[in-house]
């Protein structure tokens, strides 16, 4: 009888914990492929470099495309066309709702250099990776200075 009470006190909470944890997700953790995420990020930058803003925005979720279209249009007016990009590093972060793929990208817009962070996300209930954010940080120290003419002398 003592063992029966002990078993109930131990196994009942343990069983409830297991049931609660398995109910937190749809039962599948997104596998996600880092190579696929990088291909999407590379495609995004290739489209931007080619001036294909509409195609670049298609890589965001449909309900976010309007916001990112305005963002890209404003950045293009301010910085000019993207002339060069290179991927510096990437990080994968798994959270309860899915996986984040974060890429640090070095870019150049004419004579302006920038460091950018692009984030992609794969939700646990979806099979498609989407862009979720794009941050541009101009590197003031790396902006090519305009040469000042000197007087002969």
Protein backbone atom coordinates (compact mmCIF):
# COMPACT_ATOMS: atom_id res chain seq x y z
CA UNK A 1 0.00 0.00 0.00
CA UNK A 2 2.83 2.40 0.81
CA UNK A 3 4.43 1.60 -2.52
CA UNK A 4 1.10 2.22 -4.30
CA UNK A 5 0.86 5.70 -2.74
CA UNK A 6 4.51 6.39 -3.63
CA UNK A 7 3.90 5.25 -7.21
CA UNK A 8 0.87 7.54 -7.51
CA UNK A 9 2.79 10.53 -6.16
CA UNK A 10 5.69 9.92 -8.54
CA UNK A 11 4.08 8.67 -11.73
CA UNK A 12 0.97 10.81 -11.83
CA UNK A 13 2.86 14.17 -11.95
CA UNK A 14 5.45 12.64 -14.29
CA UNK A 15 2.71 11.41 -16.62
CA UNK A 16 0.96 14.78 -16.57
CA UNK A 17 4.25 16.53 -17.35
CA UNK A 18 4.88 14.29 -20.36
CA UNK A 19 1.34 14.86 -21.67
CA UNK A 20 1.72 18.63 -21.19
CA UNK A 21 5.07 18.78 -22.98
CA UNK A 22 3.93 16.76 -25.96
CA UNK A 23 0.89 18.99 -26.30
CA UNK A 24 3.02 22.14 -26.69
CA UNK A 25 3.76 21.57 -30.37
CA UNK A 26 2.10 19.95 -33.29
CA UNK A 27 4.34 16.96 -32.68
CA UNK A 28 7.00 17.94 -35.18
CA UNK A 29 10.06 20.07 -34.66
CA UNK A 30 11.04 21.80 -37.89
CA UNK A 31 14.11 20.20 -39.37
CA UNK A 32 15.01 23.16 -41.52
CA UNK A 33 17.99 23.11 -43.76
CA UNK A 34 20.69 25.73 -43.29
CA UNK A 35 21.67 25.34 -46.94
CA UNK A 36 18.10 26.06 -48.02
CA UNK A 37 17.95 29.14 -45.79
CA UNK A 38 21.24 30.42 -47.22
CA UNK A 39 19.98 29.85 -50.79
CA UNK A 40 16.93 31.96 -49.98
CA UNK A 41 19.08 34.72 -48.45
CA UNK A 42 21.42 34.64 -51.47
CA UNK A 43 18.43 34.79 -53.79
CA UNK A 44 17.15 37.82 -51.88
CA UNK A 45 20.42 39.72 -52.30
CA UNK A 46 20.79 38.70 -55.95
CA UNK A 47 17.32 40.09 -56.63
CA UNK A 48 18.16 43.32 -54.80
CA UNK A 49 21.40 43.68 -56.73
CA UNK A 50 19.53 43.16 -60.01
CA UNK A 51 16.96 45.81 -59.04
CA UNK A 52 14.18 43.22 -58.78
CA UNK A 53 12.52 44.66 -55.66
CA UNK A 54 9.14 43.05 -56.35
CA UNK A 55 10.71 39.60 -56.64
CA UNK A 56 12.82 40.20 -53.50
CA UNK A 57 9.70 41.10 -51.49
CA UNK A 58 8.07 37.81 -52.54
CA UNK A 59 10.45 36.02 -50.14
CA UNK A 60 8.61 37.57 -47.15
CA UNK A 61 5.28 36.25 -45.86
CA UNK A 62 2.35 37.67 -47.87
CA UNK A 63 1.02 39.75 -44.96
CA UNK A 64 4.44 41.46 -44.53
CA UNK A 65 5.23 42.25 -48.15
CA UNK A 66 3.74 45.76 -48.17
CA UNK A 67 5.89 46.85 -45.24
CA UNK A 68 9.10 45.43 -46.74
CA UNK A 69 8.36 46.84 -50.19
CA UNK A 70 8.21 50.34 -48.66
CA UNK A 71 11.37 49.66 -46.61
CA UNK A 72 13.34 48.55 -49.67
CA UNK A 73 12.07 51.41 -51.78
CA UNK A 74 13.09 53.96 -49.12
CA UNK A 75 16.52 52.35 -48.67
CA UNK A 76 17.08 52.31 -52.42
CA UNK A 77 16.31 56.04 -52.65
CA UNK A 78 18.60 56.83 -49.72
CA UNK A 79 21.54 54.53 -50.49
CA UNK A 80 21.34 53.93 -54.23
CA UNK A 81 21.62 50.53 -55.88
CA UNK A 82 23.23 47.56 -54.16
CA UNK A 83 26.52 46.97 -55.95
CA UNK A 84 28.18 44.25 -53.87
CA UNK A 85 27.38 41.80 -51.07
CA UNK A 86 29.12 38.99 -49.23
CA UNK A 87 27.94 36.70 -46.45
CA UNK A 88 30.09 37.01 -43.32
CA UNK A 89 28.49 34.67 -40.79
CA UNK A 90 25.32 32.87 -39.88
CA UNK A 91 23.57 31.64 -36.74
CA UNK A 92 20.73 29.17 -36.28
CA UNK A 93 18.49 29.63 -33.26
CA UNK A 94 15.82 27.06 -32.42
CA UNK A 95 12.87 28.32 -30.38
CA UNK A 96 9.58 26.72 -29.34
CA UNK A 97 7.78 28.01 -32.42
CA UNK A 98 10.45 27.17 -35.01
CA UNK A 99 13.93 28.07 -36.22
CA UNK A 100 15.55 31.41 -36.94
CA UNK A 101 18.33 31.65 -39.53
CA UNK A 102 20.33 34.85 -39.02
CA UNK A 103 22.85 36.01 -41.61
CA UNK A 104 25.34 38.85 -41.30
CA UNK A 105 26.06 40.34 -44.72
CA UNK A 106 28.60 42.93 -45.80
CA UNK A 107 27.23 45.20 -48.53
CA UNK A 108 28.19 48.17 -50.65
CA UNK A 109 25.88 50.80 -52.12
CA UNK A 110 28.05 52.90 -54.41
CA UNK A 111 30.69 54.36 -52.08
CA UNK A 112 28.71 53.48 -48.92
CA UNK A 113 29.58 50.31 -47.02
CA UNK A 114 27.07 48.66 -44.70
CA UNK A 115 26.73 45.70 -42.41
CA UNK A 116 23.36 44.05 -42.65
CA UNK A 117 21.46 41.39 -40.74
CA UNK A 118 18.84 39.32 -42.52
CA UNK A 119 16.64 36.94 -40.54
CA UNK A 120 14.65 34.04 -41.94
CA UNK A 121 12.18 31.89 -40.02
CA UNK A 122 10.73 28.39 -40.32
CA UNK A 123 7.58 27.95 -38.21
CA UNK A 124 6.91 24.52 -36.66
CA UNK A 125 3.61 24.25 -38.52
CA UNK A 126 4.98 25.24 -41.93
CA UNK A 127 7.32 23.77 -44.50
CA UNK A 128 8.55 27.00 -46.05
CA UNK A 129 11.28 29.34 -44.83
CA UNK A 130 10.43 33.06 -45.10
CA UNK A 131 12.40 36.24 -44.61
CA UNK A 132 11.24 38.04 -41.46
CA UNK A 133 13.56 41.03 -41.10
CA UNK A 134 16.30 43.05 -42.76
CA UNK A 135 18.42 45.58 -40.87
CA UNK A 136 20.95 47.90 -42.52
CA UNK A 137 23.73 49.53 -40.48
CA UNK A 138 25.87 51.96 -42.44
CA UNK A 139 29.53 51.68 -41.51
CA UNK A 140 30.54 55.31 -41.13
CA UNK A 141 34.22 54.50 -40.75
CA UNK A 142 34.22 52.48 -43.97
CA UNK A 143 32.62 55.11 -46.21
CA UNK A 144 35.11 55.98 -48.90
CA UNK A 145 36.08 59.63 -48.39
CA UNK A 146 35.92 62.00 -51.32
CA UNK A 147 39.46 63.17 -52.10
CA UNK A 148 40.10 66.83 -51.46
CA UNK A 149 42.13 68.54 -54.20
CA UNK A 150 45.33 70.14 -53.02
CA UNK A 151 46.96 73.20 -54.45
CA UNK A 152 50.21 72.57 -56.28
CA UNK A 153 53.03 73.95 -54.46
